[in-house]
Amino acid sequence: MNAADHHEPQRDGAATIEPMARVEDADQNLPLFPVGTKVRVLPKSGRNTPREGEVERAIYHHKDRRWNYYLRCGGKKVSKRYVALDLKRA
């Protein structure tokens, strides 16, 4: 994430220009969902079981250039690996 992502929205006359939301999770220094973040798993074409929990581990995968997330739901570890597109903040 670069320094421009942390600034206030730019003002251009009457219009407000909002900084773009980070869609990809390719910033190896900062995961979209840090450890402890409460998340909801999105059911994608039946691939994912819908569940809620919190991020237990966030590991950056250099080859894929994205973060992998491991969750804890109801006090139990979930063995499945998730990526940012599979998750939403709860």
N, C-alpha and C. Protein backbone atom coordinates (compact mmCIF):
# COMPACT_ATOMS: atom_id res chain seq x y z
N MET A 1 0.86 -1.16 0.00
CA MET A 1 0.00 0.00 0.00
C MET A 1 0.91 1.22 0.00
N ASN A 2 0.64 2.17 -0.87
CA ASN A 2 1.50 3.34 -0.91
C ASN A 2 0.93 4.46 -0.07
N ALA A 3 1.71 5.51 0.11
CA ALA A 3 1.30 6.60 0.98
C ALA A 3 0.03 7.30 0.51
N ALA A 4 -0.23 7.29 -0.80
CA ALA A 4 -1.42 7.95 -1.34
C ALA A 4 -2.70 7.29 -0.85
N ASP A 5 -2.65 6.01 -0.50
CA ASP A 5 -3.83 5.29 -0.03
C ASP A 5 -4.28 5.74 1.36
N HIS A 6 -3.41 6.44 2.08
CA HIS A 6 -3.71 6.83 3.46
C HIS A 6 -4.18 8.28 3.58
N HIS A 7 -4.26 9.01 2.49
CA HIS A 7 -4.62 10.42 2.54
C HIS A 7 -6.12 10.62 2.54
N GLU A 8 -6.52 11.79 2.96
CA GLU A 8 -7.92 12.18 2.91
C GLU A 8 -8.37 12.27 1.46
N PRO A 9 -9.68 12.18 1.19
CA PRO A 9 -10.16 12.34 -0.19
C PRO A 9 -9.74 13.68 -0.76
N GLN A 10 -9.38 13.69 -2.04
CA GLN A 10 -9.00 14.93 -2.70
C GLN A 10 -10.24 15.71 -3.06
N ARG A 11 -10.16 17.02 -2.95
CA ARG A 11 -11.28 17.88 -3.31
C ARG A 11 -10.98 18.50 -4.67
N ASP A 12 -11.94 18.42 -5.59
CA ASP A 12 -11.79 18.98 -6.92
C ASP A 12 -13.03 19.83 -7.19
N GLY A 13 -13.00 21.09 -6.75
CA GLY A 13 -14.16 21.95 -6.87
C GLY A 13 -15.29 21.39 -6.03
N ALA A 14 -16.45 21.13 -6.64
CA ALA A 14 -17.60 20.61 -5.91
C ALA A 14 -17.56 19.09 -5.79
N ALA A 15 -16.77 18.43 -6.65
CA ALA A 15 -16.73 16.97 -6.64
C ALA A 15 -15.70 16.46 -5.65
N THR A 16 -15.98 15.35 -5.03
CA THR A 16 -15.03 14.70 -4.13
C THR A 16 -14.51 13.45 -4.82
N ILE A 17 -13.20 13.31 -4.85
CA ILE A 17 -12.58 12.16 -5.47
C ILE A 17 -12.08 11.26 -4.34
N GLU A 18 -12.71 10.10 -4.18
CA GLU A 18 -12.32 9.16 -3.14
C GLU A 18 -11.16 8.30 -3.63
N PRO A 19 -10.23 7.94 -2.74
CA PRO A 19 -9.17 7.02 -3.16
C PRO A 19 -9.79 5.66 -3.47
N MET A 20 -9.21 4.95 -4.43
CA MET A 20 -9.74 3.64 -4.82
C MET A 20 -9.57 2.65 -3.69
N ALA A 21 -10.57 1.84 -3.46
CA ALA A 21 -10.47 0.78 -2.47
C ALA A 21 -9.54 -0.30 -3.00
N ARG A 22 -8.81 -0.91 -2.12
CA ARG A 22 -7.88 -1.96 -2.52
C ARG A 22 -8.67 -3.22 -2.80
N VAL A 23 -8.70 -3.64 -4.05
CA VAL A 23 -9.46 -4.82 -4.45
C VAL A 23 -8.59 -6.07 -4.31
N GLU A 24 -7.36 -5.97 -4.75
CA GLU A 24 -6.46 -7.11 -4.67
C GLU A 24 -5.78 -7.12 -3.31
N ASP A 25 -5.21 -8.24 -2.99
CA ASP A 25 -4.55 -8.42 -1.71
C ASP A 25 -3.06 -8.67 -1.94
N ALA A 26 -2.46 -7.88 -2.84
CA ALA A 26 -1.09 -8.14 -3.27
C ALA A 26 -0.05 -7.37 -2.47
N ASP A 27 -0.44 -6.52 -1.53
CA ASP A 27 0.53 -5.78 -0.72
C ASP A 27 1.11 -6.72 0.32
N GLN A 28 2.36 -7.13 0.12
CA GLN A 28 2.95 -8.13 1.01
C GLN A 28 3.24 -7.59 2.41
N ASN A 29 3.15 -6.29 2.62
CA ASN A 29 3.41 -5.71 3.93
C ASN A 29 2.18 -5.60 4.81
N LEU A 30 0.98 -5.66 4.21
CA LEU A 30 -0.23 -5.42 4.99
C LEU A 30 -1.39 -6.23 4.43
N PRO A 31 -1.86 -7.25 5.16
CA PRO A 31 -3.01 -8.03 4.67
C PRO A 31 -4.30 -7.22 4.78
N LEU A 32 -5.27 -7.51 3.92
CA LEU A 32 -6.57 -6.86 4.00
C LEU A 32 -7.28 -7.23 5.30
N PHE A 33 -7.06 -8.45 5.77
CA PHE A 33 -7.69 -8.96 6.99
C PHE A 33 -6.60 -9.37 7.98
N PRO A 34 -6.17 -8.46 8.85
CA PRO A 34 -5.12 -8.80 9.82
C PRO A 34 -5.61 -9.87 10.81
N VAL A 35 -4.68 -10.51 11.49
CA VAL A 35 -5.00 -11.52 12.49
C VAL A 35 -5.95 -10.91 13.52
N GLY A 36 -7.00 -11.66 13.86
CA GLY A 36 -7.99 -11.20 14.83
C GLY A 36 -9.21 -10.55 14.21
N THR A 37 -9.16 -10.26 12.90
CA THR A 37 -10.30 -9.64 12.21
C THR A 37 -11.45 -10.62 12.12
N LYS A 38 -12.64 -10.19 12.49
CA LYS A 38 -13.84 -11.02 12.37
C LYS A 38 -14.29 -10.98 10.92
N VAL A 39 -14.48 -12.16 10.32
CA VAL A 39 -14.82 -12.26 8.91
C VAL A 39 -15.97 -13.24 8.70
N ARG A 40 -16.58 -13.12 7.53
CA ARG A 40 -17.63 -14.03 7.07
C ARG A 40 -17.13 -14.64 5.76
N VAL A 41 -17.26 -15.96 5.64
CA VAL A 41 -16.87 -16.65 4.40
C VAL A 41 -18.02 -16.54 3.42
N LEU A 42 -17.73 -16.09 2.21
CA LEU A 42 -18.74 -15.94 1.17
C LEU A 42 -18.91 -17.26 0.42
N PRO A 43 -20.14 -17.73 0.26
CA PRO A 43 -20.36 -18.98 -0.48
C PRO A 43 -20.23 -18.73 -1.98
N LYS A 44 -19.17 -19.19 -2.59
CA LYS A 44 -18.91 -18.97 -4.02
C LYS A 44 -19.17 -20.24 -4.80
N SER A 45 -20.25 -20.25 -5.54
CA SER A 45 -20.59 -21.38 -6.41
C SER A 45 -20.53 -22.72 -5.68
N GLY A 46 -20.88 -22.70 -4.39
CA GLY A 46 -20.89 -23.93 -3.63
C GLY A 46 -19.52 -24.42 -3.18
N ARG A 47 -18.46 -23.67 -3.50
CA ARG A 47 -17.10 -24.07 -3.12
C ARG A 47 -16.84 -23.88 -1.64
N ASN A 48 -17.41 -22.82 -1.06
CA ASN A 48 -17.14 -22.48 0.33
C ASN A 48 -18.35 -22.74 1.21
N THR A 49 -18.10 -23.26 2.40
CA THR A 49 -19.15 -23.40 3.39
C THR A 49 -19.32 -22.04 4.06
N PRO A 50 -20.54 -21.49 4.06
CA PRO A 50 -20.73 -20.20 4.73
C PRO A 50 -20.46 -20.35 6.23
N ARG A 51 -19.62 -19.48 6.78
CA ARG A 51 -19.30 -19.51 8.20
C ARG A 51 -18.77 -18.16 8.64
N GLU A 52 -18.75 -17.93 9.94
CA GLU A 52 -18.17 -16.71 10.51
C GLU A 52 -17.10 -17.12 11.51
N GLY A 53 -16.07 -16.32 11.58
CA GLY A 53 -14.99 -16.59 12.53
C GLY A 53 -14.02 -15.43 12.53
N GLU A 54 -12.81 -15.72 12.96
CA GLU A 54 -11.78 -14.68 12.94
C GLU A 54 -10.51 -15.23 12.32
N VAL A 55 -9.75 -14.32 11.75
CA VAL A 55 -8.50 -14.69 11.10
C VAL A 55 -7.50 -15.12 12.17
N GLU A 56 -7.04 -16.36 12.06
CA GLU A 56 -6.04 -16.86 13.01
C GLU A 56 -4.62 -16.66 12.48
N ARG A 57 -4.45 -16.88 11.18
CA ARG A 57 -3.14 -16.68 10.54
C ARG A 57 -3.35 -16.02 9.19
N ALA A 58 -2.43 -15.14 8.82
CA ALA A 58 -2.41 -14.51 7.49
C ALA A 58 -0.99 -14.69 6.97
N ILE A 59 -0.86 -15.44 5.89
CA ILE A 59 0.46 -15.76 5.35
C ILE A 59 0.54 -15.29 3.90
N TYR A 60 1.56 -14.49 3.59
CA TYR A 60 1.73 -13.98 2.23
C TYR A 60 2.36 -15.06 1.35
N HIS A 61 1.73 -15.34 0.21
CA HIS A 61 2.22 -16.33 -0.75
C HIS A 61 2.93 -15.56 -1.87
N HIS A 62 4.26 -15.61 -1.87
CA HIS A 62 5.04 -14.81 -2.82
C HIS A 62 4.80 -15.19 -4.27
N LYS A 63 4.68 -16.46 -4.56
CA LYS A 63 4.49 -16.87 -5.95
C LYS A 63 3.13 -16.40 -6.48
N ASP A 64 2.07 -16.54 -5.67
CA ASP A 64 0.73 -16.10 -6.09
C ASP A 64 0.51 -14.61 -5.87
N ARG A 65 1.41 -13.98 -5.13
CA ARG A 65 1.35 -12.54 -4.82
C ARG A 65 0.01 -12.17 -4.16
N ARG A 66 -0.38 -12.96 -3.15
CA ARG A 66 -1.58 -12.66 -2.39
C ARG A 66 -1.49 -13.34 -1.02
N TRP A 67 -2.35 -12.88 -0.13
CA TRP A 67 -2.39 -13.42 1.22
C TRP A 67 -3.30 -14.64 1.28
N ASN A 68 -2.91 -15.62 2.06
CA ASN A 68 -3.74 -16.77 2.38
C ASN A 68 -4.17 -16.61 3.84
N TYR A 69 -5.44 -16.88 4.09
CA TYR A 69 -5.99 -16.69 5.43
C TYR A 69 -6.48 -18.02 5.99
N TYR A 70 -6.21 -18.22 7.27
CA TYR A 70 -6.67 -19.40 7.99
C TYR A 70 -7.53 -18.89 9.15
N LEU A 71 -8.68 -19.53 9.33
CA LEU A 71 -9.67 -19.03 10.28
C LEU A 71 -9.83 -19.93 11.50
N ARG A 72 -10.43 -19.35 12.52
CA ARG A 72 -10.89 -20.07 13.70
C ARG A 72 -12.36 -19.73 13.85
N CYS A 73 -13.21 -20.77 13.82
CA CYS A 73 -14.66 -20.59 13.92
C CYS A 73 -15.18 -21.42 15.09
N GLY A 74 -15.87 -20.78 16.00
CA GLY A 74 -16.41 -21.49 17.15
C GLY A 74 -15.34 -22.14 17.99
N GLY A 75 -14.17 -21.51 18.07
CA GLY A 75 -13.08 -22.05 18.87
C GLY A 75 -12.27 -23.13 18.19
N LYS A 76 -12.64 -23.52 16.97
CA LYS A 76 -11.93 -24.58 16.25
C LYS A 76 -11.24 -24.02 15.01
N LYS A 77 -10.04 -24.55 14.74
CA LYS A 77 -9.33 -24.16 13.52
C LYS A 77 -10.04 -24.75 12.31
N VAL A 78 -10.11 -23.95 11.25
CA VAL A 78 -10.65 -24.42 9.97
C VAL A 78 -9.45 -24.74 9.09
N SER A 79 -9.38 -25.95 8.55
CA SER A 79 -8.20 -26.37 7.79
C SER A 79 -8.13 -25.75 6.40
N LYS A 80 -9.24 -25.28 5.88
CA LYS A 80 -9.28 -24.70 4.54
C LYS A 80 -8.55 -23.36 4.50
N ARG A 81 -7.87 -23.12 3.40
CA ARG A 81 -7.17 -21.86 3.16
C ARG A 81 -8.10 -20.96 2.35
N TYR A 82 -8.19 -19.69 2.73
CA TYR A 82 -9.03 -18.72 2.03
C TYR A 82 -8.17 -17.59 1.49
N VAL A 83 -8.67 -16.92 0.44
CA VAL A 83 -8.05 -15.70 -0.08
C VAL A 83 -9.03 -14.55 0.13
N ALA A 84 -8.58 -13.33 -0.11
CA ALA A 84 -9.40 -12.15 0.19
C ALA A 84 -10.76 -12.17 -0.50
N LEU A 85 -10.84 -12.71 -1.72
CA LEU A 85 -12.11 -12.74 -2.43
C LEU A 85 -13.14 -13.67 -1.80
N ASP A 86 -12.67 -14.57 -0.94
CA ASP A 86 -13.56 -15.50 -0.25
C ASP A 86 -14.15 -14.90 1.03
N LEU A 87 -13.60 -13.77 1.48
CA LEU A 87 -13.95 -13.24 2.80
C LEU A 87 -14.56 -11.85 2.75
N LYS A 88 -15.32 -11.54 3.80
CA LYS A 88 -15.89 -10.21 3.98
C LYS A 88 -15.87 -9.92 5.48
N ARG A 89 -15.59 -8.67 5.85
CA ARG A 89 -15.60 -8.33 7.26
C ARG A 89 -16.98 -8.55 7.86
N ALA A 90 -17.02 -9.14 9.04
CA ALA A 90 -18.31 -9.44 9.70
C ALA A 90 -18.77 -8.24 10.52
